[in-house]
């Protein structure tokens, strides 16, 4: 019988396997649009600003690993910001502009 920790680790790996290519593609697409439409003129102009929900940004979520791989592959720094839950994420977007937002759903 599998204990809860082993099951959780396996489930987390499965989710990361499926989400990682999708999220890397999303960030790459956003970066392409960012380049085509013009980079913002701000002190962080060499940094891609990403705001997302807490479970994506936290150390146990997929965000830090995706940022690490993205930076290794592209050489572009990523500023990953914790936006809280989906409702709070909307409010934080008003205060802290971002190049990429991950985590909004149709119910927000």
Protein backbone atom coordinates (compact mmCIF):
# COMPACT_ATOMS: atom_id res chain seq x y z
CA UNK A 1 0.00 0.00 0.00
CA UNK A 2 1.27 3.50 -0.84
CA UNK A 3 1.54 6.01 1.98
CA UNK A 4 0.17 9.54 1.62
CA UNK A 5 3.58 11.18 1.12
CA UNK A 6 4.56 8.81 -1.69
CA UNK A 7 1.18 9.28 -3.35
CA UNK A 8 1.45 13.08 -3.04
CA UNK A 9 4.97 13.06 -4.49
CA UNK A 10 3.84 10.94 -7.45
CA UNK A 11 0.82 13.16 -8.03
CA UNK A 12 2.96 16.30 -7.87
CA UNK A 13 5.39 14.85 -10.44
CA UNK A 14 2.52 13.94 -12.77
CA UNK A 15 1.08 17.45 -12.54
CA UNK A 16 4.49 19.02 -13.14
CA UNK A 17 5.10 16.73 -16.14
CA UNK A 18 1.86 17.86 -17.72
CA UNK A 19 1.92 21.52 -16.73
CA UNK A 20 5.58 22.30 -17.27
CA UNK A 21 5.56 22.20 -21.10
CA UNK A 22 2.29 24.13 -21.20
CA UNK A 23 3.52 26.84 -18.84
CA UNK A 24 6.90 27.15 -20.58
CA UNK A 25 5.02 27.58 -23.86
CA UNK A 26 2.76 30.20 -22.28
CA UNK A 27 5.72 32.15 -20.94
CA UNK A 28 7.55 31.87 -24.29
CA UNK A 29 4.44 33.09 -26.14
CA UNK A 30 4.08 35.98 -23.71
CA UNK A 31 7.73 36.82 -24.15
CA UNK A 32 7.30 36.84 -27.93
CA UNK A 33 4.36 39.22 -27.65
CA UNK A 34 6.30 41.32 -25.18
CA UNK A 35 9.15 41.66 -27.68
CA UNK A 36 6.84 42.32 -30.65
CA UNK A 37 4.68 44.88 -28.89
CA UNK A 38 7.55 46.66 -27.22
CA UNK A 39 9.17 46.25 -23.87
CA UNK A 40 8.08 48.45 -21.00
CA UNK A 41 10.33 51.33 -20.10
CA UNK A 42 10.90 50.57 -16.44
CA UNK A 43 13.83 49.68 -14.19
CA UNK A 44 12.88 46.00 -14.65
CA UNK A 45 12.86 46.17 -18.47
CA UNK A 46 15.39 43.29 -18.65
CA UNK A 47 13.16 41.18 -16.44
CA UNK A 48 9.94 39.39 -17.29
CA UNK A 49 7.44 40.15 -14.53
CA UNK A 50 5.10 37.24 -13.74
CA UNK A 51 2.32 37.36 -11.16
CA UNK A 52 0.51 34.18 -10.22
CA UNK A 53 -1.51 32.48 -7.52
CA UNK A 54 0.22 31.32 -4.34
CA UNK A 55 0.27 27.59 -5.02
CA UNK A 56 2.11 28.24 -8.31
CA UNK A 57 4.68 30.62 -6.81
CA UNK A 58 5.51 28.79 -3.56
CA UNK A 59 8.57 26.55 -3.34
CA UNK A 60 6.43 23.41 -3.55
CA UNK A 61 4.59 24.67 -6.65
CA UNK A 62 5.81 24.44 -10.25
CA UNK A 63 6.66 28.16 -10.62
CA UNK A 64 10.22 28.24 -9.25
CA UNK A 65 11.27 25.24 -11.37
CA UNK A 66 9.71 26.73 -14.51
CA UNK A 67 11.42 30.07 -13.85
CA UNK A 68 14.75 28.31 -13.34
CA UNK A 69 14.47 26.36 -16.61
CA UNK A 70 13.17 29.39 -18.54
CA UNK A 71 16.06 31.54 -17.34
CA UNK A 72 18.58 28.79 -18.19
CA UNK A 73 17.16 28.39 -21.70
CA UNK A 74 16.62 32.05 -22.57
CA UNK A 75 18.94 34.02 -20.29
CA UNK A 76 16.03 36.28 -19.34
CA UNK A 77 15.46 36.96 -15.66
CA UNK A 78 11.97 36.39 -14.28
CA UNK A 79 10.47 38.30 -11.35
CA UNK A 80 7.88 35.86 -9.96
CA UNK A 81 5.34 37.58 -7.69
CA UNK A 82 2.81 35.94 -5.38
CA UNK A 83 -0.67 37.20 -6.25
CA UNK A 84 -2.57 35.23 -3.60
CA UNK A 85 -5.81 33.62 -4.74
CA UNK A 86 -7.62 34.50 -7.99
CA UNK A 87 -9.65 37.34 -6.44
CA UNK A 88 -6.65 38.95 -4.80
CA UNK A 89 -4.66 38.42 -7.99
CA UNK A 90 -7.02 40.78 -9.84
CA UNK A 91 -6.50 43.49 -7.24
CA UNK A 92 -2.72 43.07 -7.23
CA UNK A 93 -2.66 43.37 -11.02
CA UNK A 94 -4.03 46.90 -10.64
CA UNK A 95 -1.20 47.87 -8.28
CA UNK A 96 1.68 45.85 -9.71
CA UNK A 97 1.69 45.64 -13.51
CA UNK A 98 3.02 42.36 -14.87
CA UNK A 99 4.06 41.07 -18.28
CA UNK A 100 2.49 37.64 -17.67
CA UNK A 101 -0.39 36.61 -15.40
CA UNK A 102 -0.89 32.92 -14.59
CA UNK A 103 -3.95 31.70 -12.75
CA UNK A 104 -7.07 33.61 -13.72
CA UNK A 105 -10.13 31.50 -14.37
CA UNK A 106 -13.56 32.11 -15.86
CA UNK A 107 -15.17 32.39 -12.43
CA UNK A 108 -12.99 35.22 -11.18
